[in-house]
Amino acid sequence: MATSALSKFRAFMNYKFLLSLVTAALLWGAGPVQAEKADRNKPMNIEADALRYDDLKQISIFTGRVLLTKGTIQIRGERLEVRQDADGYQFGVATGAADKLAFFRQKREALDEFIEGEGETITYDGRADTVTFSRHAQLRRLRGTTVADEITGASIVYENLTDQFSVDGVAKNGPSGALGSGRVRVMLSPKPEPAASAPPADPARLKPSSNVTVPPK
């Protein structure tokens, strides 16, 4: 019995160690996320089919084709709960439809790159400046319109302030959410090489020819 327990403990520690290596490799390969810092101070705009305000809980509940924009941040879902604390920080929980995950998108600062992600629920924490993707979570980094890096897991926490994110392969409150696998999956693209500079011009070719005849005017 003791041997079995020890084996399970070792397997668990190996799993955690492997997960930490995968996360470290992902961060090393992708580099700092550097999302738009100004987004945090931009106003939040929301469109939806319906709105219900709960004065007791100080929560606004939007339903039906919800679209939230805040600077370069865009969140889409079927349902969105929004509240604001006494210090003015905003919080939102977006939920996808039965056949469609909630969606998140944000531009990277000073680059033609975007961070995109999906999950059954997406939680935006304005005070901590984090975005959490829960259940069937997916996160991608796009260069223009091309997917450069992609990860999937049960839960992904994207930290804007520290330019880091973490991934769990197994949901903490239920069965696996990583597309049914219970594991983290990562796809990393190599960093594109800088464009080759043009070779220097041959001075001999730039020298005017002595045999050129100029026609009379």
N, C-alpha and C. Protein backbone atom coordinates (compact mmCIF):
# COMPACT_ATOMS: atom_id res chain seq x y z
N MET A 1 0.83 -1.20 0.00
CA MET A 1 0.00 0.00 0.00
C MET A 1 0.87 1.25 0.00
N ALA A 2 1.94 1.24 0.84
CA ALA A 2 2.84 2.38 0.92
C ALA A 2 3.56 2.58 -0.40
N THR A 3 3.94 1.46 -1.04
CA THR A 3 4.64 1.55 -2.32
C THR A 3 3.76 2.19 -3.39
N SER A 4 2.47 1.83 -3.41
CA SER A 4 1.53 2.39 -4.38
C SER A 4 1.36 3.88 -4.17
N ALA A 5 1.25 4.30 -2.91
CA ALA A 5 1.10 5.72 -2.60
C ALA A 5 2.35 6.49 -3.03
N LEU A 6 3.52 5.91 -2.80
CA LEU A 6 4.76 6.57 -3.19
C LEU A 6 4.86 6.70 -4.71
N SER A 7 4.42 5.67 -5.43
CA SER A 7 4.45 5.72 -6.89
C SER A 7 3.54 6.82 -7.42
N LYS A 8 2.36 6.95 -6.81
CA LYS A 8 1.43 8.00 -7.25
C LYS A 8 2.01 9.37 -6.97
N PHE A 9 2.67 9.50 -5.81
CA PHE A 9 3.27 10.79 -5.47
C PHE A 9 4.37 11.16 -6.46
N ARG A 10 5.20 10.16 -6.79
CA ARG A 10 6.27 10.42 -7.75
C ARG A 10 5.71 10.78 -9.13
N ALA A 11 4.65 10.10 -9.54
CA ALA A 11 4.04 10.40 -10.84
C ALA A 11 3.48 11.82 -10.86
N PHE A 12 2.88 12.22 -9.73
CA PHE A 12 2.33 13.57 -9.63
C PHE A 12 3.43 14.60 -9.70
N MET A 13 4.54 14.37 -8.98
CA MET A 13 5.65 15.32 -9.00
C MET A 13 6.29 15.39 -10.39
N ASN A 14 6.38 14.26 -11.07
CA ASN A 14 6.92 14.27 -12.43
C ASN A 14 6.02 15.07 -13.36
N TYR A 15 4.71 14.94 -13.18
CA TYR A 15 3.75 15.68 -13.99
C TYR A 15 3.91 17.18 -13.76
N LYS A 16 4.01 17.60 -12.48
CA LYS A 16 4.16 19.01 -12.17
C LYS A 16 5.47 19.55 -12.73
N PHE A 17 6.53 18.74 -12.63
CA PHE A 17 7.83 19.17 -13.15
C PHE A 17 7.78 19.34 -14.65
N LEU A 18 7.15 18.37 -15.34
CA LEU A 18 7.03 18.45 -16.80
C LEU A 18 6.19 19.66 -17.20
N LEU A 19 5.11 19.90 -16.45
CA LEU A 19 4.26 21.04 -16.77
C LEU A 19 5.02 22.35 -16.62
N SER A 20 5.85 22.43 -15.56
CA SER A 20 6.63 23.65 -15.37
C SER A 20 7.63 23.85 -16.51
N LEU A 21 8.22 22.75 -17.01
CA LEU A 21 9.16 22.85 -18.13
C LEU A 21 8.45 23.33 -19.38
N VAL A 22 7.25 22.78 -19.63
CA VAL A 22 6.50 23.18 -20.83
C VAL A 22 6.15 24.65 -20.75
N THR A 23 5.69 25.11 -19.57
CA THR A 23 5.32 26.51 -19.41
C THR A 23 6.53 27.40 -19.59
N ALA A 24 7.67 27.00 -19.02
CA ALA A 24 8.89 27.80 -19.16
C ALA A 24 9.33 27.86 -20.62
N ALA A 25 9.23 26.74 -21.33
CA ALA A 25 9.60 26.72 -22.75
C ALA A 25 8.70 27.63 -23.55
N LEU A 26 7.42 27.63 -23.20
CA LEU A 26 6.47 28.47 -23.92
C LEU A 26 6.80 29.94 -23.71
N LEU A 27 7.07 30.32 -22.48
CA LEU A 27 7.40 31.70 -22.19
C LEU A 27 8.70 32.10 -22.86
N TRP A 28 9.68 31.20 -22.87
CA TRP A 28 10.97 31.50 -23.50
C TRP A 28 10.82 31.65 -25.00
N GLY A 29 10.02 30.77 -25.58
CA GLY A 29 9.87 30.81 -27.03
C GLY A 29 9.04 31.98 -27.51
N ALA A 30 8.00 32.33 -26.73
CA ALA A 30 7.11 33.39 -27.19
C ALA A 30 7.60 34.77 -26.80
N GLY A 31 8.41 34.85 -25.76
CA GLY A 31 8.88 36.15 -25.30
C GLY A 31 7.80 36.85 -24.49
N PRO A 32 8.10 38.02 -23.92
CA PRO A 32 7.11 38.75 -23.14
C PRO A 32 5.90 39.07 -23.98
N VAL A 33 4.73 38.92 -23.37
CA VAL A 33 3.50 39.16 -24.12
C VAL A 33 3.33 40.64 -24.42
N GLN A 34 3.57 41.53 -23.45
CA GLN A 34 3.52 42.97 -23.63
C GLN A 34 2.23 43.42 -24.31
N ALA A 35 1.12 43.17 -23.64
CA ALA A 35 -0.16 43.65 -24.16
C ALA A 35 -0.24 45.16 -24.01
N GLU A 36 -1.18 45.76 -24.70
CA GLU A 36 -1.34 47.21 -24.63
C GLU A 36 -1.62 47.65 -23.20
N LYS A 37 -0.68 48.40 -22.60
CA LYS A 37 -0.83 48.83 -21.22
C LYS A 37 -1.94 49.87 -21.06
N ALA A 38 -2.17 50.65 -22.11
CA ALA A 38 -3.16 51.71 -22.02
C ALA A 38 -4.58 51.19 -21.94
N ASP A 39 -4.81 49.92 -22.32
CA ASP A 39 -6.16 49.37 -22.32
C ASP A 39 -6.80 49.42 -20.93
N ARG A 40 -5.97 49.27 -19.90
CA ARG A 40 -6.50 49.21 -18.54
C ARG A 40 -7.27 50.48 -18.16
N ASN A 41 -6.87 51.62 -18.72
CA ASN A 41 -7.48 52.90 -18.36
C ASN A 41 -8.51 53.38 -19.38
N LYS A 42 -8.79 52.56 -20.38
CA LYS A 42 -9.78 52.94 -21.38
C LYS A 42 -11.19 52.64 -20.88
N PRO A 43 -12.21 53.38 -21.36
CA PRO A 43 -13.59 53.09 -20.96
C PRO A 43 -14.06 51.75 -21.51
N MET A 44 -14.98 51.13 -20.80
CA MET A 44 -15.56 49.86 -21.22
C MET A 44 -16.88 50.12 -21.94
N ASN A 45 -17.00 49.64 -23.17
CA ASN A 45 -18.22 49.78 -23.96
C ASN A 45 -18.82 48.41 -24.23
N ILE A 46 -20.14 48.28 -24.07
CA ILE A 46 -20.80 46.97 -24.18
C ILE A 46 -22.04 47.09 -25.05
N GLU A 47 -22.19 46.12 -25.95
CA GLU A 47 -23.41 45.99 -26.75
C GLU A 47 -24.01 44.61 -26.48
N ALA A 48 -25.34 44.52 -26.45
CA ALA A 48 -26.02 43.25 -26.21
C ALA A 48 -27.48 43.37 -26.63
N ASP A 49 -28.16 42.22 -26.65
CA ASP A 49 -29.59 42.23 -26.98
C ASP A 49 -30.43 42.69 -25.80
N ALA A 50 -29.96 42.43 -24.58
CA ALA A 50 -30.75 42.79 -23.39
C ALA A 50 -29.82 43.09 -22.22
N LEU A 51 -30.31 43.89 -21.29
CA LEU A 51 -29.56 44.26 -20.08
C LEU A 51 -30.47 44.19 -18.87
N ARG A 52 -29.95 43.58 -17.80
CA ARG A 52 -30.67 43.58 -16.52
C ARG A 52 -29.70 44.03 -15.44
N TYR A 53 -30.10 45.05 -14.67
CA TYR A 53 -29.23 45.60 -13.64
C TYR A 53 -29.73 45.17 -12.26
N ASP A 54 -28.84 44.57 -11.47
CA ASP A 54 -29.15 44.14 -10.11
C ASP A 54 -28.57 45.18 -9.16
N ASP A 55 -29.44 46.05 -8.64
CA ASP A 55 -28.98 47.14 -7.78
C ASP A 55 -28.45 46.62 -6.45
N LEU A 56 -29.01 45.54 -5.95
CA LEU A 56 -28.58 44.99 -4.66
C LEU A 56 -27.15 44.48 -4.75
N LYS A 57 -26.82 43.78 -5.83
CA LYS A 57 -25.47 43.24 -6.01
C LYS A 57 -24.56 44.15 -6.82
N GLN A 58 -25.13 45.25 -7.33
CA GLN A 58 -24.36 46.20 -8.14
C GLN A 58 -23.72 45.50 -9.35
N ILE A 59 -24.53 44.67 -10.03
CA ILE A 59 -24.06 43.90 -11.18
C ILE A 59 -24.97 44.19 -12.38
N SER A 60 -24.36 44.42 -13.53
CA SER A 60 -25.10 44.55 -14.78
C SER A 60 -24.95 43.24 -15.55
N ILE A 61 -26.07 42.67 -15.99
CA ILE A 61 -26.07 41.40 -16.70
C ILE A 61 -26.55 41.62 -18.13
N PHE A 62 -25.64 41.39 -19.09
CA PHE A 62 -25.95 41.54 -20.50
C PHE A 62 -26.14 40.16 -21.12
N THR A 63 -27.13 40.01 -21.99
CA THR A 63 -27.38 38.73 -22.63
C THR A 63 -27.66 38.93 -24.12
N GLY A 64 -27.28 37.92 -24.91
CA GLY A 64 -27.56 37.92 -26.33
C GLY A 64 -26.52 38.66 -27.16
N ARG A 65 -25.65 37.92 -27.81
CA ARG A 65 -24.64 38.48 -28.74
C ARG A 65 -23.89 39.65 -28.11
N VAL A 66 -23.31 39.38 -26.96
CA VAL A 66 -22.65 40.43 -26.19
C VAL A 66 -21.29 40.76 -26.81
N LEU A 67 -20.98 42.03 -26.91
CA LEU A 67 -19.68 42.51 -27.38
C LEU A 67 -19.16 43.57 -26.42
N LEU A 68 -18.00 43.30 -25.82
CA LEU A 68 -17.33 44.26 -24.93
C LEU A 68 -16.06 44.74 -25.60
N THR A 69 -15.86 46.06 -25.60
CA THR A 69 -14.60 46.63 -26.08
C THR A 69 -14.04 47.55 -25.01
N LYS A 70 -12.72 47.52 -24.86
CA LYS A 70 -12.02 48.36 -23.88
C LYS A 70 -10.63 48.61 -24.44
N GLY A 71 -10.46 49.73 -25.16
CA GLY A 71 -9.21 49.94 -25.89
C GLY A 71 -9.10 48.91 -27.00
N THR A 72 -7.99 48.17 -27.02
CA THR A 72 -7.82 47.10 -28.02
C THR A 72 -8.42 45.78 -27.55
N ILE A 73 -8.90 45.72 -26.32
CA ILE A 73 -9.52 44.50 -25.80
C ILE A 73 -10.90 44.31 -26.42
N GLN A 74 -11.18 43.07 -26.81
CA GLN A 74 -12.51 42.70 -27.31
C GLN A 74 -12.91 41.37 -26.69
N ILE A 75 -14.09 41.33 -26.09
CA ILE A 75 -14.63 40.10 -25.49
C ILE A 75 -16.02 39.87 -26.05
N ARG A 76 -16.25 38.65 -26.53
CA ARG A 76 -17.56 38.29 -27.06
C ARG A 76 -18.10 37.06 -26.34
N GLY A 77 -19.41 37.02 -26.15
CA GLY A 77 -20.05 35.89 -25.49
C GLY A 77 -21.55 36.00 -25.58
N GLU A 78 -22.22 35.02 -24.99
CA GLU A 78 -23.68 35.03 -24.97
C GLU A 78 -24.21 35.73 -23.73
N ARG A 79 -23.40 35.75 -22.68
CA ARG A 79 -23.81 36.38 -21.42
C ARG A 79 -22.59 37.05 -20.78
N LEU A 80 -22.80 38.21 -20.17
CA LEU A 80 -21.71 38.94 -19.54
C LEU A 80 -22.21 39.61 -18.26
N GLU A 81 -21.51 39.35 -17.16
CA GLU A 81 -21.78 40.03 -15.89
C GLU A 81 -20.66 41.03 -15.64
N VAL A 82 -21.03 42.27 -15.37
CA VAL A 82 -20.05 43.33 -15.17
C VAL A 82 -20.34 44.06 -13.85
N ARG A 83 -19.27 44.35 -13.11
CA ARG A 83 -19.40 45.15 -11.89
C ARG A 83 -18.18 46.05 -11.77
N GLN A 84 -18.29 47.05 -10.93
CA GLN A 84 -17.19 47.98 -10.69
C GLN A 84 -17.08 48.20 -9.20
N ASP A 85 -15.84 48.10 -8.67
CA ASP A 85 -15.68 48.24 -7.22
C ASP A 85 -15.58 49.72 -6.84
N ALA A 86 -15.44 49.96 -5.53
CA ALA A 86 -15.43 51.33 -5.02
C ALA A 86 -14.25 52.13 -5.53
N ASP A 87 -13.18 51.47 -5.93
CA ASP A 87 -12.00 52.16 -6.43
C ASP A 87 -12.04 52.39 -7.94
N GLY A 88 -13.13 51.96 -8.58
CA GLY A 88 -13.28 52.18 -10.01
C GLY A 88 -12.77 51.07 -10.90
N TYR A 89 -12.26 49.96 -10.31
CA TYR A 89 -11.79 48.85 -11.13
C TYR A 89 -12.98 48.05 -11.65
N GLN A 90 -12.87 47.60 -12.89
CA GLN A 90 -13.97 46.89 -13.54
C GLN A 90 -13.69 45.39 -13.63
N PHE A 91 -14.76 44.61 -13.51
CA PHE A 91 -14.66 43.15 -13.53
C PHE A 91 -15.76 42.62 -14.44
N GLY A 92 -15.43 41.58 -15.20
CA GLY A 92 -16.42 40.99 -16.09
C GLY A 92 -16.25 39.49 -16.22
N VAL A 93 -17.37 38.78 -16.33
CA VAL A 93 -17.37 37.33 -16.55
C VAL A 93 -18.23 37.06 -17.78
N ALA A 94 -17.59 36.62 -18.86
CA ALA A 94 -18.29 36.32 -20.11
C ALA A 94 -18.49 34.82 -20.22
N THR A 95 -19.66 34.41 -20.68
CA THR A 95 -20.00 33.00 -20.87
C THR A 95 -20.39 32.77 -22.31
N GLY A 96 -19.89 31.70 -22.89
CA GLY A 96 -20.21 31.39 -24.27
C GLY A 96 -21.58 30.74 -24.40
N ALA A 97 -22.01 30.54 -25.64
CA ALA A 97 -23.27 29.86 -25.92
C ALA A 97 -23.05 28.35 -25.86
N ALA A 98 -24.13 27.59 -25.99
CA ALA A 98 -24.02 26.12 -25.92
C ALA A 98 -23.12 25.57 -27.01
N ASP A 99 -23.11 26.23 -28.17
CA ASP A 99 -22.32 25.73 -29.31
C ASP A 99 -21.16 26.65 -29.68
N LYS A 100 -20.83 27.60 -28.80
CA LYS A 100 -19.78 28.56 -29.13
C LYS A 100 -19.10 29.07 -27.87
N LEU A 101 -17.77 29.02 -27.84
CA LEU A 101 -17.01 29.48 -26.68
C LEU A 101 -16.97 31.01 -26.63
N ALA A 102 -16.78 31.55 -25.42
CA ALA A 102 -16.55 32.98 -25.29
C ALA A 102 -15.18 33.31 -25.90
N PHE A 103 -15.02 34.55 -26.36
CA PHE A 103 -13.85 34.93 -27.15
C PHE A 103 -13.19 36.17 -26.57
N PHE A 104 -11.84 36.21 -26.63
CA PHE A 104 -11.05 37.35 -26.14
C PHE A 104 -9.99 37.70 -27.18
N ARG A 105 -9.71 39.00 -27.33
CA ARG A 105 -8.67 39.45 -28.25
C ARG A 105 -8.07 40.75 -27.71
N GLN A 106 -6.72 40.87 -27.82
CA GLN A 106 -6.04 42.08 -27.40
C GLN A 106 -4.76 42.27 -28.21
N LYS A 107 -4.47 43.50 -28.56
CA LYS A 107 -3.28 43.81 -29.35
C LYS A 107 -2.04 43.83 -28.46
N ARG A 108 -0.91 43.37 -29.02
CA ARG A 108 0.37 43.51 -28.33
C ARG A 108 0.92 44.91 -28.59
N GLU A 109 1.57 45.44 -27.58
CA GLU A 109 2.03 46.82 -27.65
C GLU A 109 3.14 47.00 -28.69
N ALA A 110 2.95 48.02 -29.55
CA ALA A 110 3.95 48.44 -30.54
C ALA A 110 4.29 47.35 -31.55
N LEU A 111 3.43 46.35 -31.73
CA LEU A 111 3.68 45.27 -32.68
C LEU A 111 2.41 44.96 -33.45
N ASP A 112 2.58 44.41 -34.65
CA ASP A 112 1.43 43.93 -35.41
C ASP A 112 1.14 42.49 -34.99
N GLU A 113 0.87 42.31 -33.71
CA GLU A 113 0.58 41.00 -33.12
C GLU A 113 -0.59 41.10 -32.17
N PHE A 114 -1.32 39.99 -32.03
CA PHE A 114 -2.50 39.96 -31.18
C PHE A 114 -2.48 38.70 -30.32
N ILE A 115 -3.11 38.80 -29.16
CA ILE A 115 -3.38 37.65 -28.31
C ILE A 115 -4.87 37.33 -28.43
N GLU A 116 -5.19 36.10 -28.77
CA GLU A 116 -6.58 35.65 -28.88
C GLU A 116 -6.78 34.42 -28.01
N GLY A 117 -7.99 34.26 -27.50
CA GLY A 117 -8.28 33.07 -26.70
C GLY A 117 -9.76 32.80 -26.59
N GLU A 118 -10.08 31.56 -26.23
CA GLU A 118 -11.46 31.14 -26.01
C GLU A 118 -11.58 30.29 -24.77
N GLY A 119 -12.77 30.21 -24.25
CA GLY A 119 -13.08 29.34 -23.12
C GLY A 119 -14.58 29.35 -22.90
N GLU A 120 -15.07 28.36 -22.15
CA GLU A 120 -16.50 28.37 -21.83
C GLU A 120 -16.84 29.61 -21.03
N THR A 121 -15.92 30.03 -20.16
CA THR A 121 -16.06 31.30 -19.46
C THR A 121 -14.74 32.05 -19.53
N ILE A 122 -14.82 33.37 -19.63
CA ILE A 122 -13.66 34.25 -19.62
C ILE A 122 -13.88 35.29 -18.54
N THR A 123 -12.93 35.40 -17.61
CA THR A 123 -13.05 36.32 -16.49
C THR A 123 -12.02 37.42 -16.62
N TYR A 124 -12.47 38.66 -16.65
CA TYR A 124 -11.57 39.82 -16.71
C TYR A 124 -11.53 40.49 -15.34
N ASP A 125 -10.33 40.63 -14.77
CA ASP A 125 -10.13 41.26 -13.47
C ASP A 125 -9.36 42.55 -13.69
N GLY A 126 -10.05 43.68 -13.61
CA GLY A 126 -9.41 44.95 -13.87
C GLY A 126 -8.41 45.36 -12.81
N ARG A 127 -8.61 44.98 -11.57
CA ARG A 127 -7.69 45.34 -10.50
C ARG A 127 -6.37 44.58 -10.65
N ALA A 128 -6.44 43.26 -10.82
CA ALA A 128 -5.23 42.45 -11.00
C ALA A 128 -4.71 42.51 -12.43
N ASP A 129 -5.54 43.03 -13.35
CA ASP A 129 -5.22 43.09 -14.78
C ASP A 129 -4.89 41.71 -15.32
N THR A 130 -5.80 40.76 -15.08
CA THR A 130 -5.64 39.40 -15.57
C THR A 130 -6.88 38.97 -16.34
N VAL A 131 -6.69 37.99 -17.22
CA VAL A 131 -7.79 37.36 -17.94
C VAL A 131 -7.67 35.85 -17.73
N THR A 132 -8.74 35.21 -17.29
CA THR A 132 -8.74 33.77 -17.03
C THR A 132 -9.69 33.07 -18.00
N PHE A 133 -9.17 32.09 -18.72
CA PHE A 133 -9.96 31.27 -19.63
C PHE A 133 -10.22 29.94 -18.94
N SER A 134 -11.48 29.56 -18.78
CA SER A 134 -11.82 28.35 -18.04
C SER A 134 -12.58 27.35 -18.91
N ARG A 135 -12.18 26.09 -18.81
CA ARG A 135 -12.81 24.96 -19.49
C ARG A 135 -12.70 25.09 -21.02
N HIS A 136 -12.02 24.10 -21.61
CA HIS A 136 -11.73 24.12 -23.05
C HIS A 136 -11.00 25.41 -23.41
N ALA A 137 -10.03 25.79 -22.60
CA ALA A 137 -9.32 27.05 -22.78
C ALA A 137 -8.31 26.94 -23.93
N GLN A 138 -8.22 27.99 -24.69
CA GLN A 138 -7.28 28.08 -25.81
C GLN A 138 -6.70 29.49 -25.83
N LEU A 139 -5.41 29.59 -26.15
CA LEU A 139 -4.76 30.89 -26.24
C LEU A 139 -3.81 30.87 -27.43
N ARG A 140 -3.83 31.93 -28.25
CA ARG A 140 -3.00 32.00 -29.44
C ARG A 140 -2.29 33.36 -29.52
N ARG A 141 -1.11 33.36 -30.11
CA ARG A 141 -0.42 34.60 -30.45
C ARG A 141 -0.35 34.68 -31.96
N LEU A 142 -0.84 35.76 -32.53
CA LEU A 142 -0.89 35.92 -33.97
C LEU A 142 0.08 37.01 -34.42
N ARG A 143 0.83 36.71 -35.46
CA ARG A 143 1.62 37.73 -36.15
C ARG A 143 0.81 38.15 -37.37
N GLY A 144 0.22 39.32 -37.31
CA GLY A 144 -0.72 39.70 -38.36
C GLY A 144 -1.93 38.80 -38.28
N THR A 145 -2.12 37.98 -39.32
CA THR A 145 -3.24 37.02 -39.32
C THR A 145 -2.76 35.58 -39.19
N THR A 146 -1.45 35.38 -39.00
CA THR A 146 -0.88 34.04 -38.93
C THR A 146 -0.68 33.62 -37.48
N VAL A 147 -1.15 32.42 -37.14
CA VAL A 147 -0.98 31.90 -35.78
C VAL A 147 0.48 31.52 -35.57
N ALA A 148 1.14 32.17 -34.59
CA ALA A 148 2.55 31.89 -34.30
C ALA A 148 2.68 30.85 -33.20
N ASP A 149 1.95 31.02 -32.09
CA ASP A 149 1.99 30.09 -30.97
C ASP A 149 0.57 29.78 -30.53
N GLU A 150 0.37 28.57 -30.00
CA GLU A 150 -0.98 28.18 -29.56
C GLU A 150 -0.88 27.20 -28.41
N ILE A 151 -1.71 27.38 -27.39
CA ILE A 151 -1.75 26.45 -26.26
C ILE A 151 -3.20 26.12 -25.95
N THR A 152 -3.44 24.93 -25.42
CA THR A 152 -4.76 24.53 -24.95
C THR A 152 -4.62 23.88 -23.58
N GLY A 153 -5.64 23.99 -22.77
CA GLY A 153 -5.64 23.40 -21.44
C GLY A 153 -7.00 23.55 -20.80
N ALA A 154 -7.10 23.14 -19.57
CA ALA A 154 -8.37 23.28 -18.86
C ALA A 154 -8.57 24.71 -18.39
N SER A 155 -7.46 25.36 -18.00
CA SER A 155 -7.54 26.74 -17.50
C SER A 155 -6.26 27.48 -17.87
N ILE A 156 -6.41 28.70 -18.35
CA ILE A 156 -5.27 29.55 -18.69
C ILE A 156 -5.46 30.90 -18.03
N VAL A 157 -4.44 31.35 -17.30
CA VAL A 157 -4.47 32.67 -16.66
C VAL A 157 -3.42 33.55 -17.34
N TYR A 158 -3.87 34.63 -17.92
CA TYR A 158 -3.01 35.57 -18.66
C TYR A 158 -2.84 36.82 -17.79
N GLU A 159 -1.61 37.11 -17.36
CA GLU A 159 -1.32 38.22 -16.46
C GLU A 159 -0.71 39.37 -17.26
N ASN A 160 -1.47 40.42 -17.41
CA ASN A 160 -1.02 41.54 -18.22
C ASN A 160 0.10 42.33 -17.54
N LEU A 161 0.05 42.47 -16.22
CA LEU A 161 1.03 43.28 -15.51
C LEU A 161 2.42 42.67 -15.55
N THR A 162 2.50 41.34 -15.46
CA THR A 162 3.80 40.67 -15.43
C THR A 162 4.18 40.06 -16.77
N ASP A 163 3.31 40.19 -17.78
CA ASP A 163 3.58 39.64 -19.11
C ASP A 163 3.83 38.14 -19.06
N GLN A 164 3.03 37.42 -18.27
CA GLN A 164 3.18 35.97 -18.14
C GLN A 164 1.80 35.32 -18.19
N PHE A 165 1.80 34.01 -18.44
CA PHE A 165 0.56 33.25 -18.34
C PHE A 165 0.89 31.85 -17.84
N SER A 166 -0.09 31.21 -17.21
CA SER A 166 0.08 29.86 -16.69
C SER A 166 -1.06 29.00 -17.20
N VAL A 167 -0.79 27.69 -17.31
CA VAL A 167 -1.75 26.76 -17.90
C VAL A 167 -1.89 25.53 -17.00
N ASP A 168 -3.12 25.11 -16.75
CA ASP A 168 -3.40 23.86 -16.05
C ASP A 168 -4.05 22.88 -17.02
N GLY A 169 -3.56 21.64 -17.01
CA GLY A 169 -4.13 20.64 -17.91
C GLY A 169 -5.38 19.99 -17.39
N VAL A 170 -5.58 20.03 -16.07
CA VAL A 170 -6.73 19.38 -15.44
C VAL A 170 -7.51 20.42 -14.66
N ALA A 171 -8.82 20.48 -14.86
CA ALA A 171 -9.65 21.44 -14.16
C ALA A 171 -9.64 21.15 -12.67
N LYS A 172 -9.61 22.23 -11.86
CA LYS A 172 -9.55 22.07 -10.41
C LYS A 172 -10.90 21.69 -9.81
N ASN A 173 -11.97 22.03 -10.52
CA ASN A 173 -13.30 21.79 -9.95
C ASN A 173 -14.10 20.77 -10.74
N GLY A 174 -13.41 19.89 -11.44
CA GLY A 174 -14.16 18.90 -12.20
C GLY A 174 -13.26 18.12 -13.12
N PRO A 175 -13.82 17.42 -14.08
CA PRO A 175 -13.03 16.61 -15.01
C PRO A 175 -12.20 17.48 -15.93
N SER A 176 -11.39 16.83 -16.71
CA SER A 176 -10.50 17.53 -17.63
C SER A 176 -11.26 18.46 -18.54
N GLY A 177 -10.64 19.62 -18.83
CA GLY A 177 -11.25 20.57 -19.75
C GLY A 177 -10.38 20.83 -20.95
N ALA A 178 -9.25 20.15 -21.08
CA ALA A 178 -8.33 20.41 -22.20
C ALA A 178 -8.75 19.60 -23.41
N LEU A 179 -9.91 19.97 -23.98
CA LEU A 179 -10.44 19.27 -25.15
C LEU A 179 -10.56 17.77 -24.88
N GLY A 180 -10.85 17.41 -23.62
CA GLY A 180 -11.06 16.02 -23.26
C GLY A 180 -9.80 15.24 -23.00
N SER A 181 -8.62 15.86 -23.02
CA SER A 181 -7.38 15.11 -22.90
C SER A 181 -6.78 15.16 -21.50
N GLY A 182 -7.05 16.22 -20.73
CA GLY A 182 -6.46 16.37 -19.42
C GLY A 182 -5.00 16.75 -19.47
N ARG A 183 -4.50 17.23 -20.60
CA ARG A 183 -3.10 17.59 -20.75
C ARG A 183 -2.98 18.96 -21.41
N VAL A 184 -1.85 19.60 -21.15
CA VAL A 184 -1.54 20.86 -21.82
C VAL A 184 -0.91 20.56 -23.17
N ARG A 185 -1.35 21.28 -24.20
CA ARG A 185 -0.76 21.11 -25.53
C ARG A 185 -0.24 22.47 -26.00
N VAL A 186 0.96 22.44 -26.58
CA VAL A 186 1.65 23.66 -26.98
C VAL A 186 2.15 23.54 -28.41
N MET A 187 1.96 24.60 -29.21
CA MET A 187 2.53 24.68 -30.55
C MET A 187 3.30 26.00 -30.62
N LEU A 188 4.63 25.91 -30.84
CA LEU A 188 5.49 27.09 -30.90
C LEU A 188 6.11 27.20 -32.28
N SER A 189 6.05 28.39 -32.85
CA SER A 189 6.68 28.63 -34.15
C SER A 189 8.02 29.31 -33.93
N PRO A 190 9.03 28.99 -34.76
CA PRO A 190 10.31 29.67 -34.63
C PRO A 190 10.17 31.14 -34.94
N LYS A 191 11.02 31.95 -34.31
CA LYS A 191 10.99 33.38 -34.56
C LYS A 191 11.46 33.64 -35.98
N PRO A 192 10.71 34.44 -36.75
CA PRO A 192 11.11 34.68 -38.14
C PRO A 192 12.45 35.39 -38.22
N GLU A 193 13.26 34.98 -39.18
CA GLU A 193 14.56 35.61 -39.36
C GLU A 193 14.38 36.99 -40.00
N PRO A 194 15.25 37.94 -39.62
CA PRO A 194 15.14 39.27 -40.24
C PRO A 194 15.40 39.19 -41.73
N ALA A 195 14.72 40.04 -42.46
CA ALA A 195 14.86 40.04 -43.92
C ALA A 195 16.31 40.35 -44.30
N ALA A 196 16.82 39.61 -45.28
CA ALA A 196 18.20 39.81 -45.72
C ALA A 196 18.34 41.17 -46.39
N SER A 197 19.39 41.89 -46.02
CA SER A 197 19.61 43.22 -46.60
C SER A 197 20.16 43.08 -48.02
N ALA A 198 19.87 44.05 -48.86
CA ALA A 198 20.31 44.02 -50.26
C ALA A 198 21.83 44.17 -50.32
N PRO A 199 22.51 43.44 -51.23
CA PRO A 199 23.97 43.56 -51.34
C PRO A 199 24.36 44.95 -51.77
N PRO A 200 25.53 45.43 -51.31
CA PRO A 200 25.96 46.78 -51.70
C PRO A 200 26.13 46.90 -53.21
N ALA A 201 25.82 48.06 -53.70
CA ALA A 201 25.91 48.28 -55.16
C ALA A 201 27.37 48.24 -55.61
N ASP A 202 27.57 47.72 -56.80
CA ASP A 202 28.91 47.64 -57.38
C ASP A 202 29.32 49.02 -57.87
N PRO A 203 30.40 49.61 -57.29
CA PRO A 203 30.80 50.96 -57.72
C PRO A 203 31.08 51.03 -59.20
N ALA A 204 31.59 49.93 -59.77
CA ALA A 204 31.91 49.95 -61.21
C ALA A 204 30.66 50.17 -62.04
N ARG A 205 29.51 49.63 -61.55
CA ARG A 205 28.28 49.77 -62.32
C ARG A 205 27.72 51.18 -62.21
N LEU A 206 28.09 51.87 -61.13
CA LEU A 206 27.58 53.22 -60.94
C LEU A 206 28.38 54.26 -61.71
N LYS A 207 29.61 53.87 -62.17
CA LYS A 207 30.48 54.79 -62.88
C LYS A 207 29.91 55.05 -64.28
N PRO A 208 29.75 56.32 -64.65
CA PRO A 208 29.17 56.60 -65.98
C PRO A 208 30.09 56.09 -67.08
N SER A 209 29.51 55.60 -68.15
CA SER A 209 30.28 55.07 -69.27
C SER A 209 30.81 56.21 -70.13
N SER A 210 32.05 56.05 -70.61
CA SER A 210 32.64 57.08 -71.47
C SER A 210 32.18 56.95 -72.91
N ASN A 211 31.43 55.87 -73.19
CA ASN A 211 30.99 55.64 -74.58
C ASN A 211 29.57 56.09 -74.83
N VAL A 212 28.95 56.76 -73.83
CA VAL A 212 27.56 57.19 -74.00
C VAL A 212 27.53 58.40 -74.91
N THR A 213 26.67 58.35 -75.91
CA THR A 213 26.53 59.47 -76.85
C THR A 213 25.26 60.24 -76.51
N VAL A 214 25.41 61.53 -76.33
CA VAL A 214 24.26 62.38 -76.01
C VAL A 214 23.76 62.99 -77.31
N PRO A 215 22.55 62.71 -77.71
CA PRO A 215 22.03 63.26 -78.97
C PRO A 215 21.89 64.77 -78.87
N PRO A 216 22.03 65.46 -79.97
CA PRO A 216 21.86 66.93 -79.96
C PRO A 216 20.42 67.31 -79.70
N LYS A 217 20.24 68.47 -79.10
CA LYS A 217 18.88 68.96 -78.82
C LYS A 217 18.26 69.49 -80.10
